[in-house]
Amino acid sequence: MPRLIEIRTYRLLPGTIDAFHHAVHTLAVPMLKAKGMDVVAYGRSDHEEETYFLIRSYENRMALETEQAAFYGSDDWRLGPRRALVDRIQTYLNTLLWVSDTAVVEMRGLNKNQ
């Protein structure tokens, strides 16, 4: 069955990538997973020094909107790691595309730079 993936790319403020990664890896991703979100891969981009990516998988667009609204509207997020991440982001871009289950599995295996 196809999956809708969201690829979120971040351009970070200079000199913040290590702290950003630490906050994503130790705070945000465990929280996303605890809320039931499918985090496929995340980490530093290979092509530019201050860029980062987060890939999540959803059943459909409604699931994406529902899960993200619940997560980003929660006190756990707003009172937790939000500030440690948002303050380091210069810009970000979301891209949505449909892929096969196999593609999601392969992305997980090929991007183990978490």
C-alpha atoms as a PDB file:
ATOM      1  CA  MET A   1       0.000   0.000   0.000  1.00  0.00           C
ATOM      2  CA  PRO A   2       1.431   3.424  -0.864  1.00  0.00           C
ATOM      3  CA  ARG A   3       2.515   5.830   1.851  1.00  0.00           C
ATOM      4  CA  LEU A   4       2.529   9.608   1.869  1.00  0.00           C
ATOM      5  CA  ILE A   5       5.914  10.856   2.969  1.00  0.00           C
ATOM      6  CA  GLU A   6       6.761  14.318   4.139  1.00  0.00           C
ATOM      7  CA  ILE A   7      10.327  15.431   3.571  1.00  0.00           C
ATOM      8  CA  ARG A   8      11.054  18.456   5.709  1.00  0.00           C
ATOM      9  CA  THR A   9      14.336  20.199   5.048  1.00  0.00           C
ATOM     10  CA  TYR A  10      15.751  22.863   7.317  1.00  0.00           C
ATOM     11  CA  ARG A  11      18.344  25.565   6.704  1.00  0.00           C
ATOM     12  CA  LEU A  12      19.781  26.226  10.134  1.00  0.00           C
ATOM     13  CA  LEU A  13      21.410  29.280  11.572  1.00  0.00           C
ATOM     14  CA  PRO A  14      25.209  29.132  11.294  1.00  0.00           C
ATOM     15  CA  GLY A  15      26.904  27.102  14.008  1.00  0.00           C
ATOM     16  CA  THR A  16      23.728  25.483  15.364  1.00  0.00           C
ATOM     17  CA  ILE A  17      23.610  22.095  13.641  1.00  0.00           C
ATOM     18  CA  ASP A  18      25.195  20.100  16.487  1.00  0.00           C
ATOM     19  CA  ALA A  19      22.778  21.474  19.082  1.00  0.00           C
ATOM     20  CA  PHE A  20      19.862  21.068  16.652  1.00  0.00           C
ATOM     21  CA  HIS A  21      20.754  17.432  15.984  1.00  0.00           C
ATOM     22  CA  HIS A  22      21.097  16.734  19.694  1.00  0.00           C
ATOM     23  CA  ALA A  23      17.627  18.196  20.361  1.00  0.00           C
ATOM     24  CA  VAL A  24      16.080  16.285  17.448  1.00  0.00           C
ATOM     25  CA  HIS A  25      17.748  12.989  18.344  1.00  0.00           C
ATOM     26  CA  THR A  26      17.274  13.033  22.121  1.00  0.00           C
ATOM     27  CA  LEU A  27      14.031  15.004  22.503  1.00  0.00           C
ATOM     28  CA  ALA A  28      11.919  15.507  19.385  1.00  0.00           C
ATOM     29  CA  VAL A  29      12.196  12.125  17.645  1.00  0.00           C
ATOM     30  CA  PRO A  30      11.497  10.083  20.797  1.00  0.00           C
ATOM     31  CA  MET A  31       8.492  12.343  21.432  1.00  0.00           C
ATOM     32  CA  LEU A  32       7.246  11.971  17.825  1.00  0.00           C
ATOM     33  CA  LYS A  33       7.553   8.193  18.039  1.00  0.00           C
ATOM     34  CA  ALA A  34       5.824   8.095  21.436  1.00  0.00           C
ATOM     35  CA  LYS A  35       2.890   9.965  19.841  1.00  0.00           C
ATOM     36  CA  GLY A  36       2.696   7.285  17.131  1.00  0.00           C
ATOM     37  CA  MET A  37       4.315   9.147  14.245  1.00  0.00           C
ATOM     38  CA  ASP A  38       6.366   7.129  11.773  1.00  0.00           C
ATOM     39  CA  VAL A  39       9.792   8.782  11.630  1.00  0.00           C
ATOM     40  CA  VAL A  40      11.502   7.253   8.609  1.00  0.00           C
ATOM     41  CA  ALA A  41      14.835   9.081   8.743  1.00  0.00           C
ATOM     42  CA  TYR A  42      16.451  12.285   9.943  1.00  0.00           C
ATOM     43  CA  GLY A  43      19.864  13.853  10.122  1.00  0.00           C
ATOM     44  CA  ARG A  44      22.390  16.149   8.541  1.00  0.00           C
ATOM     45  CA  SER A  45      22.103  16.606   4.795  1.00  0.00           C
ATOM     46  CA  ASP A  46      25.096  15.489   2.789  1.00  0.00           C
ATOM     47  CA  HIS A  47      25.139  18.476   0.464  1.00  0.00           C
ATOM     48  CA  GLU A  48      25.360  21.567   2.694  1.00  0.00           C
ATOM     49  CA  GLU A  49      26.838  22.175   6.105  1.00  0.00           C
ATOM     50  CA  GLU A  50      23.882  23.879   7.801  1.00  0.00           C
ATOM     51  CA  THR A  51      21.026  21.748   6.386  1.00  0.00           C
ATOM     52  CA  TYR A  52      19.033  19.008   8.048  1.00  0.00           C
ATOM     53  CA  PHE A  53      16.176  16.715   7.066  1.00  0.00           C
ATOM     54  CA  LEU A  54      13.273  14.893   8.694  1.00  0.00           C
ATOM     55  CA  ILE A  55      11.241  12.297   6.787  1.00  0.00           C
ATOM     56  CA  ARG A  56       7.933  11.037   8.160  1.00  0.00           C
ATOM     57  CA  SER A  57       5.451   8.568   6.684  1.00  0.00           C
ATOM     58  CA  TYR A  58       1.645   8.749   6.820  1.00  0.00           C
ATOM     59  CA  GLU A  59      -1.308   6.719   5.613  1.00  0.00           C
ATOM     60  CA  ASN A  60      -2.760   9.743   3.780  1.00  0.00           C
ATOM     61  CA  ARG A  61      -3.054  13.546   3.875  1.00  0.00           C
ATOM     62  CA  MET A  62      -5.778  13.493   6.537  1.00  0.00           C
ATOM     63  CA  ALA A  63      -3.584  11.366   8.810  1.00  0.00           C
ATOM     64  CA  LEU A  64      -0.695  13.797   8.319  1.00  0.00           C
ATOM     65  CA  GLU A  65      -2.826  16.800   9.221  1.00  0.00           C
ATOM     66  CA  THR A  66      -4.477  15.083  12.204  1.00  0.00           C
ATOM     67  CA  GLU A  67      -1.247  13.684  13.669  1.00  0.00           C
ATOM     68  CA  GLN A  68       0.694  16.901  13.217  1.00  0.00           C
ATOM     69  CA  ALA A  69      -2.085  19.085  14.638  1.00  0.00           C
ATOM     70  CA  ALA A  70      -2.247  16.881  17.723  1.00  0.00           C
ATOM     71  CA  PHE A  71       1.516  16.827  18.133  1.00  0.00           C
ATOM     72  CA  TYR A  72       2.333  20.483  17.471  1.00  0.00           C
ATOM     73  CA  GLY A  73      -0.646  21.639  19.517  1.00  0.00           C
ATOM     74  CA  SER A  74       0.354  19.584  22.566  1.00  0.00           C
ATOM     75  CA  ASP A  75       1.816  21.009  25.752  1.00  0.00           C
ATOM     76  CA  ASP A  76       4.512  18.316  25.546  1.00  0.00           C
ATOM     77  CA  TRP A  77       5.815  19.961  22.359  1.00  0.00           C
ATOM     78  CA  ARG A  78       5.150  23.605  23.152  1.00  0.00           C
ATOM     79  CA  LEU A  79       6.601  23.401  26.663  1.00  0.00           C
ATOM     80  CA  GLY A  80       9.260  20.853  25.709  1.00  0.00           C
ATOM     81  CA  PRO A  81      11.806  20.862  22.876  1.00  0.00           C
ATOM     82  CA  ARG A  82      10.029  23.367  20.605  1.00  0.00           C
ATOM     83  CA  ARG A  83      12.150  26.382  21.520  1.00  0.00           C
ATOM     84  CA  ALA A  84      15.440  24.409  21.307  1.00  0.00           C
ATOM     85  CA  LEU A  85      14.609  23.614  17.678  1.00  0.00           C
ATOM     86  CA  VAL A  86      12.648  26.579  16.342  1.00  0.00           C
ATOM     87  CA  ASP A  87      15.228  29.107  17.542  1.00  0.00           C
ATOM     88  CA  ARG A  88      17.880  27.428  15.355  1.00  0.00           C
ATOM     89  CA  ILE A  89      15.872  27.285  12.106  1.00  0.00           C
ATOM     90  CA  GLN A  90      16.450  29.937   9.491  1.00  0.00           C
ATOM     91  CA  THR A  91      13.959  28.485   6.949  1.00  0.00           C
ATOM     92  CA  TYR A  92      12.320  25.168   6.172  1.00  0.00           C
ATOM     93  CA  LEU A  93      10.480  23.520   3.300  1.00  0.00           C
ATOM     94  CA  ASN A  94       8.018  20.613   3.253  1.00  0.00           C
ATOM     95  CA  THR A  95       7.610  18.302   0.284  1.00  0.00           C
ATOM     96  CA  LEU A  96       4.917  15.618   0.133  1.00  0.00           C
ATOM     97  CA  LEU A  97       5.005  12.629  -2.184  1.00  0.00           C
ATOM     98  CA  TRP A  98       3.559   9.176  -2.480  1.00  0.00           C
ATOM     99  CA  VAL A  99       5.923   6.204  -2.357  1.00  0.00           C
ATOM    100  CA  SER A 100       5.638   2.456  -1.981  1.00  0.00           C
ATOM    101  CA  ASP A 101       6.002   0.629   1.333  1.00  0.00           C
ATOM    102  CA  THR A 102       9.227  -0.798  -0.086  1.00  0.00           C
ATOM    103  CA  ALA A 103      10.590   2.698  -0.692  1.00  0.00           C
ATOM    104  CA  VAL A 104       9.890   3.651   2.935  1.00  0.00           C
ATOM    105  CA  VAL A 105      11.718   0.553   4.164  1.00  0.00           C
ATOM    106  CA  GLU A 106      14.669   1.287   1.880  1.00  0.00           C
ATOM    107  CA  MET A 107      14.842   4.931   3.019  1.00  0.00           C
ATOM    108  CA  ARG A 108      14.961   3.733   6.612  1.00  0.00           C
ATOM    109  CA  GLY A 109      17.840   1.374   5.885  1.00  0.00           C
ATOM    110  CA  LEU A 110      19.865   3.729   3.712  1.00  0.00           C
ATOM    111  CA  ASN A 111      19.679   6.758   6.028  1.00  0.00           C
ATOM    112  CA  LYS A 112      20.961   5.506   9.346  1.00  0.00           C
ATOM    113  CA  ASN A 113      22.776   8.727  10.160  1.00  0.00           C
ATOM    114  CA  GLN A 114      20.578   9.424  13.124  1.00  0.00           C
END
